Amino acid sequence: MNTKTIESPRPWDARLARWLITPLVHTRVSPNHLTTVRLAVGVAGIVALMPGSYLWSNIGALLFVLSNFLDHTDGELARLSGKTSRAGHLYDLISDALIHIFLFTAIGFGLSGGPLGRWAVLLGALTGCAVSFIFAMRMVIENRLGKAGTRQASLGGFETEDVLYLMPLVTLSGSLQPFLLAASIGAPLYALWVMGEFMRSGRSEVAHQEYRQR
């Protein structure tokens, strides 16, 4: 009996990114150029979140969403142009990790003048460290099992990480404080789950190597 593997549809943001960068395939623009643009936009968003004012928080959220979308453009250009490289992939992963780490720290800094006081900065740093750990573990798992080993759950062309596109709704509603509190709980818990995935990936790698040696 033959079975067919049903692939999940490509995420909508990845499809849009591919359509937008297609004219760049035969130009001097490289994937690393787009990664640098993404990093610059992300840093601008982080700086905008630090004052903690309503206006700047909304600007920061919009810049973060744009940066999150731009994260798909370098990979799409690399695949279409054949300009994939290990160094470029690491640059992309490091940029991604840094933006998410300092995003939460900036949110905490911006909220430090409110009811949470200095705890806001500590909670932001805790969340950022948990996110950093998650990215590091996912990179190791990907090295062990390939991209399939870190594939996220998806539904109708949307992935788990696409919830970050809702960030402007958080700032528009003035909900950054409950958002940070929830993230400071959810991120460490998810980090523990990723640790479990890391341990299981190690066992899978050992089992695969033993199978190949038979």
Protein backbone atom coordinates (compact mmCIF):
# COMPACT_ATOMS: atom_id res chain seq x y z
CA MET A 1 0.00 0.00 0.00
CA ASN A 2 1.50 3.31 -1.09
CA THR A 3 1.22 6.33 1.17
CA LYS A 4 1.67 9.94 0.14
CA THR A 5 3.13 12.61 2.31
CA ILE A 6 0.82 15.58 2.55
CA GLU A 7 2.84 18.76 2.85
CA SER A 8 1.51 21.75 4.74
CA PRO A 9 0.86 24.81 2.59
CA ARG A 10 3.64 27.40 2.62
CA PRO A 11 2.94 30.25 5.07
CA TRP A 12 1.24 33.29 3.58
CA ASP A 13 4.02 35.65 4.65
CA ALA A 14 6.62 33.43 2.95
CA ARG A 15 4.57 33.42 -0.25
CA LEU A 16 4.25 37.22 -0.21
CA ALA A 17 7.97 37.56 0.53
CA ARG A 18 8.84 35.36 -2.45
CA TRP A 19 6.62 37.39 -4.76
CA LEU A 20 8.19 40.67 -3.59
CA ILE A 21 11.82 39.59 -3.90
CA THR A 22 11.50 37.80 -7.26
CA PRO A 23 12.63 40.95 -9.19
CA LEU A 24 15.84 40.91 -7.09
CA VAL A 25 16.93 37.41 -8.11
CA HIS A 26 19.22 38.52 -10.94
CA THR A 27 20.53 41.67 -9.25
CA ARG A 28 23.49 42.34 -6.96
CA VAL A 29 21.22 42.27 -3.92
CA SER A 30 22.24 39.34 -1.73
CA PRO A 31 20.33 37.55 1.03
CA ASN A 32 22.74 39.08 3.56
CA HIS A 33 21.71 42.55 2.39
CA LEU A 34 18.10 41.74 3.22
CA THR A 35 19.11 40.25 6.57
CA THR A 36 20.91 43.50 7.39
CA VAL A 37 17.83 45.54 6.44
CA ARG A 38 15.70 43.27 8.63
CA LEU A 39 18.13 43.70 11.54
CA ALA A 40 18.17 47.49 11.16
CA VAL A 41 14.37 47.70 11.13
CA GLY A 42 14.19 45.42 14.16
CA VAL A 43 16.70 47.51 16.10
CA ALA A 44 14.71 50.65 15.23
CA GLY A 45 11.60 48.97 16.60
CA ILE A 46 13.41 48.04 19.81
CA VAL A 47 14.64 51.61 20.32
CA ALA A 48 11.11 52.93 19.70
CA LEU A 49 9.70 50.65 22.41
CA MET A 50 12.11 51.83 25.09
CA PRO A 51 10.49 55.19 26.00
CA GLY A 52 7.28 53.36 26.91
CA SER A 53 4.97 56.07 25.56
CA TYR A 54 1.79 55.14 23.71
CA LEU A 55 2.90 56.70 20.42
CA TRP A 56 6.40 55.23 20.37
CA SER A 57 5.17 51.84 21.51
CA ASN A 58 2.84 51.67 18.52
CA ILE A 59 5.60 52.77 16.17
CA GLY A 60 7.89 50.14 17.68
CA ALA A 61 5.25 47.43 17.26
CA LEU A 62 4.77 48.31 13.58
CA LEU A 63 8.53 48.26 12.98
CA PHE A 64 8.79 44.90 14.74
CA VAL A 65 6.04 43.43 12.56
CA LEU A 66 7.80 44.74 9.44
CA SER A 67 11.08 43.25 10.67
CA ASN A 68 9.36 39.94 11.34
CA PHE A 69 8.04 39.88 7.77
CA LEU A 70 11.41 40.87 6.30
CA ASP A 71 12.87 37.84 8.04
CA HIS A 72 11.33 35.72 5.26
CA THR A 73 12.81 37.70 2.39
CA ASP A 74 16.47 36.70 2.79
CA GLY A 75 15.67 32.99 2.82
CA GLU A 76 13.40 33.25 -0.19
CA LEU A 77 16.03 35.18 -2.16
CA ALA A 78 18.70 32.65 -1.17
CA ARG A 79 16.59 29.74 -2.42
CA LEU A 80 15.50 31.42 -5.67
CA SER A 81 18.96 32.75 -6.56
CA GLY A 82 20.95 29.76 -5.33
CA LYS A 83 22.93 32.03 -2.99
CA THR A 84 22.49 29.87 0.08
CA SER A 85 25.40 29.69 2.53
CA ARG A 86 26.06 28.44 6.03
CA ALA A 87 27.38 31.85 7.07
CA GLY A 88 24.26 33.56 5.75
CA HIS A 89 22.03 31.10 7.58
CA LEU A 90 23.88 31.72 10.87
CA TYR A 91 23.70 35.50 10.32
CA ASP A 92 19.94 35.19 9.87
CA LEU A 93 19.53 33.04 13.00
CA ILE A 94 21.67 35.34 15.15
CA SER A 95 19.80 38.43 13.91
CA ASP A 96 16.49 36.75 14.64
CA ALA A 97 17.57 35.81 18.16
CA LEU A 98 18.97 39.26 19.00
CA ILE A 99 15.84 41.07 17.85
CA HIS A 100 13.53 38.90 19.90
CA ILE A 101 15.76 39.00 23.00
CA PHE A 102 16.09 42.76 23.10
CA LEU A 103 12.46 43.27 22.09
CA PHE A 104 11.28 41.98 25.47
CA THR A 105 14.02 43.78 27.35
CA ALA A 106 12.98 47.04 25.65
CA ILE A 107 9.33 46.43 26.54
CA GLY A 108 10.36 45.88 30.17
CA PHE A 109 12.45 49.05 30.15
CA GLY A 110 9.50 51.01 28.77
CA LEU A 111 7.20 49.67 31.50
CA SER A 112 9.67 50.27 34.35
CA GLY A 113 8.02 53.59 35.18
CA GLY A 114 4.69 51.85 35.84
CA PRO A 115 3.32 49.54 38.55
CA LEU A 116 5.90 46.81 37.87
CA GLY A 117 8.84 49.13 38.45
CA ARG A 118 12.22 47.43 38.11
CA TRP A 119 10.47 44.08 37.96
CA ALA A 120 9.44 44.96 34.41
CA VAL A 121 13.07 45.05 33.30
CA LEU A 122 13.81 41.78 35.11
CA LEU A 123 10.78 40.09 33.55
CA GLY A 124 11.81 41.40 30.14
CA ALA A 125 15.34 40.08 30.61
CA LEU A 126 14.00 36.72 31.81
CA THR A 127 11.76 36.44 28.77
CA GLY A 128 14.61 37.48 26.48
CA CYS A 129 16.94 34.87 27.98
CA ALA A 130 14.28 32.18 27.56
CA VAL A 131 13.80 33.19 23.93
CA SER A 132 17.58 33.13 23.41
CA PHE A 133 17.70 29.62 24.82
CA ILE A 134 14.84 28.53 22.56
CA PHE A 135 16.62 29.83 19.46
CA ALA A 136 19.89 28.15 20.45
CA MET A 137 18.21 24.80 21.07
CA ARG A 138 16.22 24.99 17.83
CA MET A 139 19.44 25.64 15.92
CA VAL A 140 21.06 22.55 17.46
CA ILE A 141 17.98 20.44 16.71
CA GLU A 142 18.00 21.69 13.11
CA ASN A 143 21.66 20.70 12.80
CA ARG A 144 20.80 17.23 14.05
CA LEU A 145 17.55 16.51 12.24
CA GLY A 146 17.34 19.11 9.46
CA LYS A 147 14.63 21.73 9.03
CA ALA A 148 11.93 19.07 9.44
CA GLY A 149 13.04 18.70 13.04
CA THR A 150 12.13 22.32 13.86
CA ARG A 151 9.02 22.64 11.71
CA GLN A 152 6.29 24.58 13.46
CA ALA A 153 2.64 23.69 13.68
CA SER A 154 0.65 25.34 10.91
CA LEU A 155 -2.98 25.76 9.93
CA GLY A 156 -4.33 27.27 6.74
CA GLY A 157 -1.00 28.83 5.82
CA PHE A 158 -0.39 30.32 9.27
CA GLU A 159 2.35 29.16 11.65
CA THR A 160 2.62 29.42 15.42
CA GLU A 161 5.09 32.31 15.20
CA ASP A 162 2.62 34.35 13.12
CA VAL A 163 0.94 35.38 16.37
CA LEU A 164 3.71 38.02 16.55
CA TYR A 165 1.93 39.89 13.78
CA LEU A 166 -0.69 40.76 16.40
CA MET A 167 1.83 42.90 18.30
CA PRO A 168 0.27 46.22 17.10
CA LEU A 169 -3.04 45.13 18.64
CA VAL A 170 -1.24 44.74 21.97
CA THR A 171 0.18 48.27 21.85
CA LEU A 172 -2.98 49.86 20.45
CA SER A 173 -5.00 48.40 23.32
CA GLY A 174 -2.41 49.47 25.90
CA SER A 175 -1.85 45.85 26.92
CA LEU A 176 1.94 45.71 26.98
CA GLN A 177 2.07 45.01 30.72
CA PRO A 178 -0.18 41.90 30.66
CA PHE A 179 1.58 40.85 27.47
CA LEU A 180 4.96 40.97 29.20
CA LEU A 181 3.61 39.12 32.25
CA ALA A 182 2.18 36.38 30.04
CA ALA A 183 5.39 36.16 27.99
CA SER A 184 7.52 35.92 31.14
CA ILE A 185 5.57 32.79 32.07
CA GLY A 186 5.01 31.31 28.62
CA ALA A 187 8.56 31.71 27.26
CA PRO A 188 10.31 29.80 30.09
CA LEU A 189 7.67 27.05 29.90
CA TYR A 190 8.16 26.76 26.16
CA ALA A 191 11.92 26.73 26.71
CA LEU A 192 11.46 23.65 28.93
CA TRP A 193 9.43 21.99 26.17
CA VAL A 194 12.17 22.76 23.63
CA MET A 195 14.70 21.26 26.04
CA GLY A 196 12.65 18.07 25.91
CA GLU A 197 12.70 18.22 22.11
CA PHE A 198 16.46 18.72 22.26
CA MET A 199 16.91 15.60 24.38
CA ARG A 200 14.63 13.57 22.11
CA SER A 201 16.52 14.78 19.03
CA GLY A 202 19.74 13.50 20.60
CA ARG A 203 18.24 10.06 21.06
CA SER A 204 16.92 10.11 17.48
CA GLU A 205 20.38 11.04 16.17
CA VAL A 206 22.02 8.21 18.11
CA ALA A 207 19.41 5.72 16.89
CA HIS A 208 19.92 6.89 13.29
CA GLN A 209 23.68 6.50 13.54
CA GLU A 210 23.32 3.02 15.01
CA TYR A 211 20.96 2.06 12.19
CA ARG A 212 23.45 3.28 9.55
CA GLN A 213 26.26 1.27 11.15
CA ARG A 214 24.33 -2.00 10.86
